[in-house]
Amino acid sequence: MRFLSVMLVCCLILAGCGDSSPSSNANEHAGHKPTMDVKLDVVGDQVTVTVTTDMTISPEHYGMARNAGEGHIHMYLDNDPKVAVKEDHMVFKDLPIGKHTLKVSLHNNDHTPYDVTQTFDFEIV
């Protein structure tokens, strides 16, 4: 009986020594939140949007699996559908006169958000 008790205690101790931390791959995705700086240059009836980020913009992996620190940009002008941007700039041309809103956000290769978003109001005169 004493032998069984000792074995049970040893098993419990060994069970507690297991690695219960998430895999490093999961930590890479959850831990990296890139930075983003956006500049709008309004000239005439167009706006040029330039994005500076420490995220690697990777058109070759667009729509593929996540890779920490890599992805693309989504832009939403007014109520139009999203525009997936695979480089650090975008030009919106032939905009109507008036007020406009632009939302810019960073996304993983698989389109899941990094939760890095900025919204801008600008006017075409």
N, C-alpha and C. Protein backbone atom coordinates (compact mmCIF):
# COMPACT_ATOMS: atom_id res chain seq x y z
N MET A 1 0.82 -1.19 0.00
CA MET A 1 0.00 0.00 0.00
C MET A 1 0.87 1.26 0.00
N ARG A 2 1.95 1.20 0.80
CA ARG A 2 2.84 2.34 0.86
C ARG A 2 3.49 2.59 -0.51
N PHE A 3 3.83 1.51 -1.21
CA PHE A 3 4.42 1.60 -2.55
C PHE A 3 3.45 2.31 -3.51
N LEU A 4 2.17 1.99 -3.47
CA LEU A 4 1.17 2.64 -4.32
C LEU A 4 1.04 4.13 -4.01
N SER A 5 1.12 4.46 -2.73
CA SER A 5 1.04 5.87 -2.34
C SER A 5 2.23 6.66 -2.88
N VAL A 6 3.42 6.06 -2.78
CA VAL A 6 4.62 6.72 -3.28
C VAL A 6 4.53 6.88 -4.80
N MET A 7 4.05 5.85 -5.49
CA MET A 7 3.89 5.92 -6.94
C MET A 7 2.90 7.00 -7.34
N LEU A 8 1.80 7.10 -6.60
CA LEU A 8 0.78 8.11 -6.89
C LEU A 8 1.36 9.51 -6.73
N VAL A 9 2.11 9.74 -5.65
CA VAL A 9 2.73 11.05 -5.42
C VAL A 9 3.72 11.36 -6.54
N CYS A 10 4.52 10.40 -6.94
CA CYS A 10 5.48 10.62 -8.03
C CYS A 10 4.77 10.96 -9.34
N CYS A 11 3.69 10.26 -9.63
CA CYS A 11 2.93 10.54 -10.85
C CYS A 11 2.36 11.96 -10.84
N LEU A 12 1.85 12.36 -9.70
CA LEU A 12 1.30 13.71 -9.59
C LEU A 12 2.38 14.77 -9.76
N ILE A 13 3.55 14.52 -9.20
CA ILE A 13 4.64 15.48 -9.35
C ILE A 13 5.07 15.58 -10.80
N LEU A 14 5.21 14.44 -11.46
CA LEU A 14 5.62 14.44 -12.87
C LEU A 14 4.56 15.09 -13.75
N ALA A 15 3.31 14.88 -13.46
CA ALA A 15 2.24 15.50 -14.25
C ALA A 15 2.29 17.02 -14.14
N GLY A 16 2.69 17.53 -13.00
CA GLY A 16 2.79 18.97 -12.80
C GLY A 16 3.99 19.59 -13.47
N CYS A 17 4.93 18.78 -13.93
CA CYS A 17 6.14 19.29 -14.57
C CYS A 17 5.97 19.51 -16.07
N GLY A 18 4.83 19.20 -16.61
CA GLY A 18 4.62 19.35 -18.06
C GLY A 18 4.63 20.81 -18.47
N ASP A 19 4.87 21.07 -19.75
CA ASP A 19 4.88 22.43 -20.29
C ASP A 19 3.48 22.81 -20.70
N SER A 20 2.85 23.68 -19.94
CA SER A 20 1.48 24.08 -20.26
C SER A 20 1.42 25.41 -20.99
N SER A 21 2.58 25.99 -21.33
CA SER A 21 2.57 27.27 -22.03
C SER A 21 2.18 27.06 -23.48
N PRO A 22 1.53 28.08 -24.10
CA PRO A 22 1.16 27.96 -25.51
C PRO A 22 2.41 27.81 -26.37
N SER A 23 2.24 27.28 -27.54
CA SER A 23 3.39 27.12 -28.44
C SER A 23 3.95 28.47 -28.82
N SER A 24 5.22 28.51 -29.18
CA SER A 24 5.84 29.77 -29.54
C SER A 24 5.17 30.37 -30.78
N ASN A 25 4.66 29.52 -31.66
CA ASN A 25 3.99 30.01 -32.85
C ASN A 25 2.75 30.82 -32.48
N ALA A 26 1.97 30.34 -31.52
CA ALA A 26 0.78 31.08 -31.08
C ALA A 26 1.20 32.39 -30.42
N ASN A 27 2.27 32.37 -29.63
CA ASN A 27 2.74 33.60 -28.99
C ASN A 27 3.21 34.62 -30.01
N GLU A 28 3.82 34.17 -31.08
CA GLU A 28 4.28 35.12 -32.08
C GLU A 28 3.11 35.89 -32.67
N HIS A 29 2.01 35.22 -32.95
CA HIS A 29 0.86 35.89 -33.55
C HIS A 29 0.19 36.82 -32.54
N ALA A 30 0.06 36.35 -31.32
CA ALA A 30 -0.62 37.15 -30.32
C ALA A 30 0.26 38.29 -29.81
N GLY A 31 1.59 38.09 -29.81
CA GLY A 31 2.48 39.04 -29.20
C GLY A 31 2.90 40.19 -30.09
N HIS A 32 2.83 40.05 -31.37
CA HIS A 32 3.32 41.12 -32.25
C HIS A 32 2.17 42.02 -32.69
N LYS A 33 2.25 43.27 -32.31
CA LYS A 33 1.28 44.26 -32.75
C LYS A 33 2.07 45.36 -33.45
N PRO A 34 2.01 45.38 -34.79
CA PRO A 34 2.83 46.35 -35.52
C PRO A 34 2.39 47.79 -35.29
N THR A 35 3.30 48.69 -35.60
CA THR A 35 2.99 50.12 -35.53
C THR A 35 2.59 50.60 -36.92
N MET A 36 1.89 51.73 -36.95
CA MET A 36 1.45 52.28 -38.23
C MET A 36 1.39 53.80 -38.13
N ASP A 37 1.92 54.46 -39.16
CA ASP A 37 1.80 55.90 -39.30
C ASP A 37 1.26 56.14 -40.71
N VAL A 38 0.22 56.97 -40.82
CA VAL A 38 -0.44 57.19 -42.11
C VAL A 38 -0.37 58.67 -42.46
N LYS A 39 -0.02 58.95 -43.71
CA LYS A 39 0.03 60.33 -44.20
C LYS A 39 -0.91 60.44 -45.39
N LEU A 40 -1.78 61.46 -45.37
CA LEU A 40 -2.68 61.74 -46.50
C LEU A 40 -2.20 63.01 -47.19
N ASP A 41 -2.11 62.95 -48.51
CA ASP A 41 -1.72 64.10 -49.32
C ASP A 41 -2.84 64.35 -50.32
N VAL A 42 -3.63 65.39 -50.08
CA VAL A 42 -4.77 65.71 -50.93
C VAL A 42 -4.33 66.77 -51.95
N VAL A 43 -4.46 66.41 -53.24
CA VAL A 43 -4.13 67.34 -54.33
C VAL A 43 -5.24 67.24 -55.36
N GLY A 44 -5.92 68.37 -55.58
CA GLY A 44 -7.02 68.37 -56.55
C GLY A 44 -8.11 67.40 -56.12
N ASP A 45 -8.45 66.47 -57.03
CA ASP A 45 -9.53 65.52 -56.72
C ASP A 45 -9.00 64.13 -56.36
N GLN A 46 -7.77 64.09 -55.83
CA GLN A 46 -7.24 62.79 -55.43
C GLN A 46 -6.54 62.87 -54.09
N VAL A 47 -6.43 61.72 -53.43
CA VAL A 47 -5.69 61.63 -52.18
C VAL A 47 -4.70 60.48 -52.31
N THR A 48 -3.46 60.77 -51.93
CA THR A 48 -2.42 59.75 -51.88
C THR A 48 -2.23 59.38 -50.42
N VAL A 49 -2.36 58.09 -50.14
CA VAL A 49 -2.23 57.58 -48.77
C VAL A 49 -0.91 56.82 -48.69
N THR A 50 -0.05 57.24 -47.77
CA THR A 50 1.24 56.57 -47.57
C THR A 50 1.27 56.00 -46.15
N VAL A 51 1.57 54.71 -46.05
CA VAL A 51 1.58 54.01 -44.77
C VAL A 51 3.01 53.62 -44.43
N THR A 52 3.45 54.00 -43.23
CA THR A 52 4.73 53.57 -42.70
C THR A 52 4.43 52.61 -41.55
N THR A 53 5.00 51.41 -41.63
CA THR A 53 4.75 50.40 -40.61
C THR A 53 5.97 49.52 -40.43
N ASP A 54 6.10 48.92 -39.25
CA ASP A 54 7.16 47.95 -39.05
C ASP A 54 6.72 46.54 -39.44
N MET A 55 5.47 46.41 -39.89
CA MET A 55 4.98 45.15 -40.43
C MET A 55 5.57 44.97 -41.83
N THR A 56 5.95 43.77 -42.19
CA THR A 56 6.42 43.50 -43.54
C THR A 56 5.22 43.32 -44.44
N ILE A 57 5.09 44.18 -45.44
CA ILE A 57 3.99 44.06 -46.40
C ILE A 57 4.40 43.01 -47.42
N SER A 58 3.61 41.93 -47.49
CA SER A 58 4.04 40.77 -48.28
C SER A 58 2.98 40.36 -49.31
N PRO A 59 3.01 40.98 -50.49
CA PRO A 59 2.03 40.61 -51.51
C PRO A 59 2.14 39.15 -51.93
N GLU A 60 3.32 38.57 -51.81
CA GLU A 60 3.49 37.17 -52.21
C GLU A 60 2.81 36.18 -51.26
N HIS A 61 2.47 36.63 -50.05
CA HIS A 61 1.79 35.75 -49.08
C HIS A 61 0.34 36.17 -48.83
N TYR A 62 -0.17 37.09 -49.64
CA TYR A 62 -1.54 37.60 -49.49
C TYR A 62 -2.54 36.44 -49.53
N GLY A 63 -3.40 36.38 -48.52
CA GLY A 63 -4.43 35.34 -48.46
C GLY A 63 -3.92 34.00 -47.95
N MET A 64 -2.67 33.93 -47.57
CA MET A 64 -2.10 32.67 -47.10
C MET A 64 -2.10 32.64 -45.57
N ALA A 65 -1.37 31.70 -45.00
CA ALA A 65 -1.32 31.53 -43.54
C ALA A 65 -0.64 32.73 -42.88
N ARG A 66 -0.97 32.92 -41.61
CA ARG A 66 -0.36 33.98 -40.82
C ARG A 66 1.14 33.74 -40.71
N ASN A 67 1.86 34.83 -40.68
CA ASN A 67 3.28 34.81 -40.40
C ASN A 67 3.53 36.08 -39.58
N ALA A 68 3.91 35.92 -38.33
CA ALA A 68 4.02 37.05 -37.41
C ALA A 68 4.78 38.21 -38.02
N GLY A 69 4.20 39.40 -37.91
CA GLY A 69 4.85 40.62 -38.39
C GLY A 69 4.74 40.84 -39.88
N GLU A 70 3.86 40.09 -40.53
CA GLU A 70 3.74 40.15 -41.98
C GLU A 70 2.27 40.31 -42.34
N GLY A 71 1.97 40.94 -43.47
CA GLY A 71 0.58 41.06 -43.88
C GLY A 71 0.37 42.09 -44.97
N HIS A 72 -0.79 42.75 -44.90
CA HIS A 72 -1.18 43.75 -45.90
C HIS A 72 -2.09 44.77 -45.23
N ILE A 73 -2.57 45.72 -46.01
CA ILE A 73 -3.35 46.84 -45.49
C ILE A 73 -4.76 46.80 -46.09
N HIS A 74 -5.75 47.11 -45.26
CA HIS A 74 -7.12 47.30 -45.77
C HIS A 74 -7.43 48.79 -45.67
N MET A 75 -8.04 49.32 -46.73
CA MET A 75 -8.48 50.71 -46.72
C MET A 75 -9.95 50.75 -47.10
N TYR A 76 -10.69 51.59 -46.40
CA TYR A 76 -12.13 51.77 -46.65
C TYR A 76 -12.36 53.25 -46.87
N LEU A 77 -12.75 53.63 -48.07
CA LEU A 77 -13.04 55.03 -48.37
C LEU A 77 -14.54 55.23 -48.34
N ASP A 78 -14.99 56.11 -47.46
CA ASP A 78 -16.42 56.38 -47.28
C ASP A 78 -17.16 55.07 -47.04
N ASN A 79 -18.20 54.80 -47.79
CA ASN A 79 -18.96 53.56 -47.60
C ASN A 79 -18.64 52.51 -48.67
N ASP A 80 -17.53 52.71 -49.37
CA ASP A 80 -17.15 51.77 -50.42
C ASP A 80 -16.60 50.48 -49.80
N PRO A 81 -16.61 49.39 -50.59
CA PRO A 81 -16.02 48.14 -50.10
C PRO A 81 -14.53 48.31 -49.82
N LYS A 82 -13.99 47.40 -49.04
CA LYS A 82 -12.56 47.47 -48.69
C LYS A 82 -11.69 47.34 -49.93
N VAL A 83 -10.55 47.99 -49.83
CA VAL A 83 -9.51 47.85 -50.85
C VAL A 83 -8.32 47.20 -50.14
N ALA A 84 -7.91 46.03 -50.62
CA ALA A 84 -6.73 45.36 -50.06
C ALA A 84 -5.49 45.94 -50.73
N VAL A 85 -4.62 46.51 -49.93
CA VAL A 85 -3.44 47.19 -50.44
C VAL A 85 -2.21 46.36 -50.08
N LYS A 86 -1.43 46.03 -51.11
CA LYS A 86 -0.28 45.15 -50.93
C LYS A 86 1.05 45.88 -51.11
N GLU A 87 1.03 47.19 -50.90
CA GLU A 87 2.24 48.00 -50.91
C GLU A 87 2.04 49.13 -49.91
N ASP A 88 3.00 50.03 -49.78
CA ASP A 88 2.93 51.03 -48.71
C ASP A 88 2.17 52.31 -49.10
N HIS A 89 1.53 52.32 -50.26
CA HIS A 89 0.78 53.53 -50.65
C HIS A 89 -0.40 53.16 -51.55
N MET A 90 -1.32 54.11 -51.65
CA MET A 90 -2.51 53.93 -52.48
C MET A 90 -2.96 55.31 -52.91
N VAL A 91 -3.41 55.44 -54.17
CA VAL A 91 -3.93 56.71 -54.68
C VAL A 91 -5.40 56.51 -55.03
N PHE A 92 -6.25 57.33 -54.44
CA PHE A 92 -7.68 57.36 -54.78
C PHE A 92 -7.89 58.57 -55.68
N LYS A 93 -8.32 58.32 -56.92
CA LYS A 93 -8.46 59.39 -57.92
C LYS A 93 -9.93 59.73 -58.17
N ASP A 94 -10.13 60.89 -58.81
CA ASP A 94 -11.45 61.33 -59.26
C ASP A 94 -12.49 61.33 -58.14
N LEU A 95 -12.10 61.83 -56.98
CA LEU A 95 -13.02 61.89 -55.85
C LEU A 95 -13.96 63.08 -56.00
N PRO A 96 -15.21 62.91 -55.62
CA PRO A 96 -16.14 64.03 -55.71
C PRO A 96 -15.83 65.10 -54.66
N ILE A 97 -16.20 66.32 -54.96
CA ILE A 97 -16.04 67.43 -54.02
C ILE A 97 -16.84 67.12 -52.76
N GLY A 98 -16.24 67.43 -51.62
CA GLY A 98 -16.93 67.23 -50.35
C GLY A 98 -16.06 66.52 -49.34
N LYS A 99 -16.71 66.16 -48.23
CA LYS A 99 -16.02 65.50 -47.12
C LYS A 99 -15.96 63.99 -47.35
N HIS A 100 -14.83 63.41 -46.94
CA HIS A 100 -14.61 61.98 -47.09
C HIS A 100 -14.00 61.42 -45.80
N THR A 101 -14.20 60.13 -45.59
CA THR A 101 -13.61 59.43 -44.46
C THR A 101 -12.83 58.23 -44.99
N LEU A 102 -11.64 58.05 -44.47
CA LEU A 102 -10.79 56.93 -44.85
C LEU A 102 -10.38 56.17 -43.60
N LYS A 103 -10.62 54.87 -43.61
CA LYS A 103 -10.18 53.98 -42.52
C LYS A 103 -9.05 53.11 -43.06
N VAL A 104 -7.95 53.04 -42.31
CA VAL A 104 -6.78 52.26 -42.70
C VAL A 104 -6.49 51.28 -41.57
N SER A 105 -6.31 49.99 -41.92
CA SER A 105 -6.03 48.98 -40.88
C SER A 105 -5.04 47.94 -41.39
N LEU A 106 -4.26 47.41 -40.45
CA LEU A 106 -3.27 46.38 -40.76
C LEU A 106 -3.86 45.00 -40.53
N HIS A 107 -3.54 44.07 -41.44
CA HIS A 107 -4.10 42.71 -41.37
C HIS A 107 -3.03 41.67 -41.64
N ASN A 108 -3.22 40.51 -41.03
CA ASN A 108 -2.36 39.36 -41.30
C ASN A 108 -2.56 38.89 -42.73
N ASN A 109 -1.69 38.01 -43.19
CA ASN A 109 -1.83 37.44 -44.54
C ASN A 109 -3.21 36.84 -44.74
N ASP A 110 -3.77 36.21 -43.69
CA ASP A 110 -5.07 35.55 -43.79
C ASP A 110 -6.24 36.50 -43.54
N HIS A 111 -5.99 37.78 -43.54
CA HIS A 111 -6.98 38.87 -43.39
C HIS A 111 -7.45 39.10 -41.96
N THR A 112 -7.00 38.32 -40.99
CA THR A 112 -7.37 38.62 -39.61
C THR A 112 -6.68 39.92 -39.20
N PRO A 113 -7.36 40.75 -38.42
CA PRO A 113 -6.80 42.06 -38.10
C PRO A 113 -5.71 42.00 -37.04
N TYR A 114 -4.78 42.92 -37.13
CA TYR A 114 -3.79 43.13 -36.07
C TYR A 114 -4.35 44.07 -35.01
N ASP A 115 -5.54 44.59 -35.21
CA ASP A 115 -6.15 45.58 -34.32
C ASP A 115 -5.33 46.87 -34.27
N VAL A 116 -4.83 47.26 -35.44
CA VAL A 116 -4.13 48.54 -35.61
C VAL A 116 -4.90 49.28 -36.70
N THR A 117 -5.66 50.31 -36.29
CA THR A 117 -6.55 51.01 -37.21
C THR A 117 -6.50 52.51 -36.95
N GLN A 118 -6.58 53.28 -38.01
CA GLN A 118 -6.69 54.73 -37.89
C GLN A 118 -7.76 55.20 -38.88
N THR A 119 -8.51 56.23 -38.49
CA THR A 119 -9.55 56.80 -39.33
C THR A 119 -9.27 58.29 -39.53
N PHE A 120 -9.45 58.74 -40.76
CA PHE A 120 -9.15 60.13 -41.13
C PHE A 120 -10.32 60.75 -41.87
N ASP A 121 -10.55 62.02 -41.60
CA ASP A 121 -11.51 62.81 -42.36
C ASP A 121 -10.71 63.80 -43.19
N PHE A 122 -11.12 63.98 -44.45
CA PHE A 122 -10.46 64.95 -45.32
C PHE A 122 -11.51 65.50 -46.29
N GLU A 123 -11.15 66.56 -46.97
CA GLU A 123 -12.11 67.21 -47.87
C GLU A 123 -11.48 67.50 -49.23
N ILE A 124 -12.25 67.24 -50.27
CA ILE A 124 -11.89 67.62 -51.63
C ILE A 124 -12.63 68.92 -51.92
N VAL A 125 -11.87 69.96 -52.29
CA VAL A 125 -12.50 71.28 -52.55
C VAL A 125 -12.49 71.62 -54.01
